[in-house]
Amino acid sequence: VSPVLHRSFEAFIADDSVSQYIADRLTIVITAAPIPSNPSTTLLTWVLQSLWQMPDLRQCKRLLVLDHHKPTLTVERQERYQAFKKRLRSCMDNNPLCLNMDLLELRDH
């Protein structure tokens, strides 16, 4: 991040200021919906790992939004999505990649 993007030069030159400056202003929103790979959390893990590769984004708040399934979704796909959400909650409790992440589950489509 360039000092030109900062309103305060003092904030820019402070220790770890870039990461903190970004974390104070940015929330990363990740969405999830029923997909054929459910209940696997591998795709989400890849996304979180890619974010971890950018040190300035590690402190940012993250919001994971779980879309509600469409009424036309088959019972099997609904069950697989429910299993995905259960795995996800367990993962959030045990995975350091999920630090600073909140979960928002939408109730209707």
C-alpha atoms as a PDB file:
ATOM      1  CA  VAL A   1       0.000   0.000   0.000  1.00  0.00           C
ATOM      2  CA  SER A   2       1.399   3.330  -1.033  1.00  0.00           C
ATOM      3  CA  PRO A   3       1.783   6.209   1.442  1.00  0.00           C
ATOM      4  CA  VAL A   4      -0.208   8.249  -1.063  1.00  0.00           C
ATOM      5  CA  LEU A   5      -3.279   6.174  -0.145  1.00  0.00           C
ATOM      6  CA  HIS A   6      -3.011   7.107   3.537  1.00  0.00           C
ATOM      7  CA  ARG A   7      -4.630  10.195   5.013  1.00  0.00           C
ATOM      8  CA  SER A   8      -2.095  10.194   7.820  1.00  0.00           C
ATOM      9  CA  PHE A   9       1.590   9.796   7.060  1.00  0.00           C
ATOM     10  CA  GLU A  10       2.235   9.122  10.765  1.00  0.00           C
ATOM     11  CA  ALA A  11      -0.120   6.122  10.598  1.00  0.00           C
ATOM     12  CA  PHE A  12       1.723   4.867   7.530  1.00  0.00           C
ATOM     13  CA  ILE A  13       5.154   4.864   9.169  1.00  0.00           C
ATOM     14  CA  ALA A  14       4.036   3.294  12.486  1.00  0.00           C
ATOM     15  CA  ASP A  15       5.109  -0.287  13.277  1.00  0.00           C
ATOM     16  CA  ASP A  16       3.088  -2.767  11.191  1.00  0.00           C
ATOM     17  CA  SER A  17       0.990   0.185  10.177  1.00  0.00           C
ATOM     18  CA  VAL A  18       0.040  -1.100   6.753  1.00  0.00           C
ATOM     19  CA  SER A  19      -1.514  -4.290   8.109  1.00  0.00           C
ATOM     20  CA  GLN A  20      -3.300  -2.453  10.888  1.00  0.00           C
ATOM     21  CA  TYR A  21      -4.418   0.340   8.585  1.00  0.00           C
ATOM     22  CA  ILE A  22      -5.944  -2.194   6.196  1.00  0.00           C
ATOM     23  CA  ALA A  23      -7.463  -4.298   8.998  1.00  0.00           C
ATOM     24  CA  ASP A  24      -9.147  -1.216  10.461  1.00  0.00           C
ATOM     25  CA  ARG A  25     -10.820  -0.440   7.130  1.00  0.00           C
ATOM     26  CA  LEU A  26     -11.436  -3.733   5.338  1.00  0.00           C
ATOM     27  CA  THR A  27     -13.752  -6.655   5.928  1.00  0.00           C
ATOM     28  CA  ILE A  28     -13.332  -9.571   3.558  1.00  0.00           C
ATOM     29  CA  VAL A  29     -16.670 -11.108   2.575  1.00  0.00           C
ATOM     30  CA  ILE A  30     -16.673 -14.707   1.374  1.00  0.00           C
ATOM     31  CA  THR A  31     -19.844 -16.340   0.136  1.00  0.00           C
ATOM     32  CA  ALA A  32     -20.771 -19.996   0.073  1.00  0.00           C
ATOM     33  CA  ALA A  33     -23.728 -21.694  -1.534  1.00  0.00           C
ATOM     34  CA  PRO A  34     -24.770 -25.247  -2.320  1.00  0.00           C
ATOM     35  CA  ILE A  35     -22.341 -26.675  -4.873  1.00  0.00           C
ATOM     36  CA  PRO A  36     -21.689 -30.225  -6.105  1.00  0.00           C
ATOM     37  CA  SER A  37     -18.518 -30.601  -4.003  1.00  0.00           C
ATOM     38  CA  ASN A  38     -20.450 -30.250  -0.719  1.00  0.00           C
ATOM     39  CA  PRO A  39     -19.849 -31.398   2.005  1.00  0.00           C
ATOM     40  CA  SER A  40     -16.137 -30.892   1.268  1.00  0.00           C
ATOM     41  CA  THR A  41     -14.613 -27.692   2.686  1.00  0.00           C
ATOM     42  CA  THR A  42     -11.562 -27.926   0.414  1.00  0.00           C
ATOM     43  CA  LEU A  43     -12.554 -25.045  -1.867  1.00  0.00           C
ATOM     44  CA  LEU A  44     -13.100 -22.729   1.088  1.00  0.00           C
ATOM     45  CA  THR A  45      -9.786 -23.825   2.601  1.00  0.00           C
ATOM     46  CA  TRP A  46      -8.028 -22.917  -0.650  1.00  0.00           C
ATOM     47  CA  VAL A  47      -9.604 -19.448  -0.541  1.00  0.00           C
ATOM     48  CA  LEU A  48      -8.537 -18.930   3.073  1.00  0.00           C
ATOM     49  CA  GLN A  49      -5.017 -20.191   2.331  1.00  0.00           C
ATOM     50  CA  SER A  50      -4.721 -17.779  -0.588  1.00  0.00           C
ATOM     51  CA  LEU A  51      -5.742 -14.890   1.681  1.00  0.00           C
ATOM     52  CA  TRP A  52      -3.136 -15.998   4.224  1.00  0.00           C
ATOM     53  CA  GLN A  53      -0.459 -15.592   1.539  1.00  0.00           C
ATOM     54  CA  MET A  54      -1.044 -11.825   1.741  1.00  0.00           C
ATOM     55  CA  PRO A  55       0.305 -10.791   5.163  1.00  0.00           C
ATOM     56  CA  ASP A  56      -1.405  -7.410   5.064  1.00  0.00           C
ATOM     57  CA  LEU A  57      -4.802  -9.154   4.939  1.00  0.00           C
ATOM     58  CA  ARG A  58      -4.230 -11.573   7.829  1.00  0.00           C
ATOM     59  CA  GLN A  59      -5.610  -9.226  10.479  1.00  0.00           C
ATOM     60  CA  CYS A  60      -8.687  -8.236   8.481  1.00  0.00           C
ATOM     61  CA  LYS A  61     -12.092  -9.263   9.713  1.00  0.00           C
ATOM     62  CA  ARG A  62     -13.707 -11.917   7.563  1.00  0.00           C
ATOM     63  CA  LEU A  63     -17.373 -12.579   7.103  1.00  0.00           C
ATOM     64  CA  LEU A  64     -18.467 -15.891   5.656  1.00  0.00           C
ATOM     65  CA  VAL A  65     -21.990 -15.648   4.261  1.00  0.00           C
ATOM     66  CA  LEU A  66     -23.814 -18.939   3.800  1.00  0.00           C
ATOM     67  CA  ASP A  67     -26.524 -18.652   1.207  1.00  0.00           C
ATOM     68  CA  HIS A  68     -29.835 -20.370   1.822  1.00  0.00           C
ATOM     69  CA  HIS A  69     -30.571 -23.224  -0.544  1.00  0.00           C
ATOM     70  CA  LYS A  70     -33.154 -22.755  -3.267  1.00  0.00           C
ATOM     71  CA  PRO A  71     -36.452 -24.604  -2.794  1.00  0.00           C
ATOM     72  CA  THR A  72     -35.777 -26.447  -6.068  1.00  0.00           C
ATOM     73  CA  LEU A  73     -32.611 -28.059  -4.716  1.00  0.00           C
ATOM     74  CA  THR A  74     -32.892 -31.837  -4.379  1.00  0.00           C
ATOM     75  CA  VAL A  75     -33.164 -33.328  -0.903  1.00  0.00           C
ATOM     76  CA  GLU A  76     -29.779 -34.993  -1.387  1.00  0.00           C
ATOM     77  CA  ARG A  77     -28.094 -31.679  -2.266  1.00  0.00           C
ATOM     78  CA  GLN A  78     -29.808 -29.995   0.709  1.00  0.00           C
ATOM     79  CA  GLU A  79     -28.464 -32.688   3.026  1.00  0.00           C
ATOM     80  CA  ARG A  80     -24.968 -32.333   1.536  1.00  0.00           C
ATOM     81  CA  TYR A  81     -25.104 -28.560   2.081  1.00  0.00           C
ATOM     82  CA  GLN A  82     -26.208 -29.075   5.698  1.00  0.00           C
ATOM     83  CA  ALA A  83     -23.255 -31.449   6.175  1.00  0.00           C
ATOM     84  CA  PHE A  84     -20.954 -28.802   4.640  1.00  0.00           C
ATOM     85  CA  LYS A  85     -22.210 -26.193   7.123  1.00  0.00           C
ATOM     86  CA  LYS A  86     -21.660 -28.605  10.020  1.00  0.00           C
ATOM     87  CA  ARG A  87     -18.091 -29.317   8.859  1.00  0.00           C
ATOM     88  CA  LEU A  88     -17.523 -25.610   8.420  1.00  0.00           C
ATOM     89  CA  ARG A  89     -18.537 -24.806  11.993  1.00  0.00           C
ATOM     90  CA  SER A  90     -16.176 -27.483  13.273  1.00  0.00           C
ATOM     91  CA  CYS A  91     -13.407 -26.156  11.050  1.00  0.00           C
ATOM     92  CA  MET A  92     -13.945 -22.621  12.349  1.00  0.00           C
ATOM     93  CA  ASP A  93     -13.383 -23.828  15.916  1.00  0.00           C
ATOM     94  CA  ASN A  94     -10.136 -25.628  15.087  1.00  0.00           C
ATOM     95  CA  ASN A  95      -8.499 -23.928  12.102  1.00  0.00           C
ATOM     96  CA  PRO A  96      -6.164 -20.925  12.512  1.00  0.00           C
ATOM     97  CA  LEU A  97      -7.114 -19.845   8.979  1.00  0.00           C
ATOM     98  CA  CYS A  98     -10.537 -19.002  10.411  1.00  0.00           C
ATOM     99  CA  LEU A  99      -9.296 -16.432  12.913  1.00  0.00           C
ATOM    100  CA  ASN A 100     -11.256 -13.168  12.812  1.00  0.00           C
ATOM    101  CA  MET A 101     -14.022 -14.853  10.836  1.00  0.00           C
ATOM    102  CA  ASP A 102     -17.714 -14.542  11.595  1.00  0.00           C
ATOM    103  CA  LEU A 103     -20.475 -16.608  10.100  1.00  0.00           C
ATOM    104  CA  LEU A 104     -23.717 -15.234   8.689  1.00  0.00           C
ATOM    105  CA  GLU A 105     -26.263 -17.810   7.628  1.00  0.00           C
ATOM    106  CA  LEU A 106     -29.040 -16.459   5.434  1.00  0.00           C
ATOM    107  CA  ARG A 107     -32.470 -17.890   6.218  1.00  0.00           C
ATOM    108  CA  ASP A 108     -34.170 -17.359   2.875  1.00  0.00           C
ATOM    109  CA  HIS A 109     -33.203 -16.931  -0.730  1.00  0.00           C
END
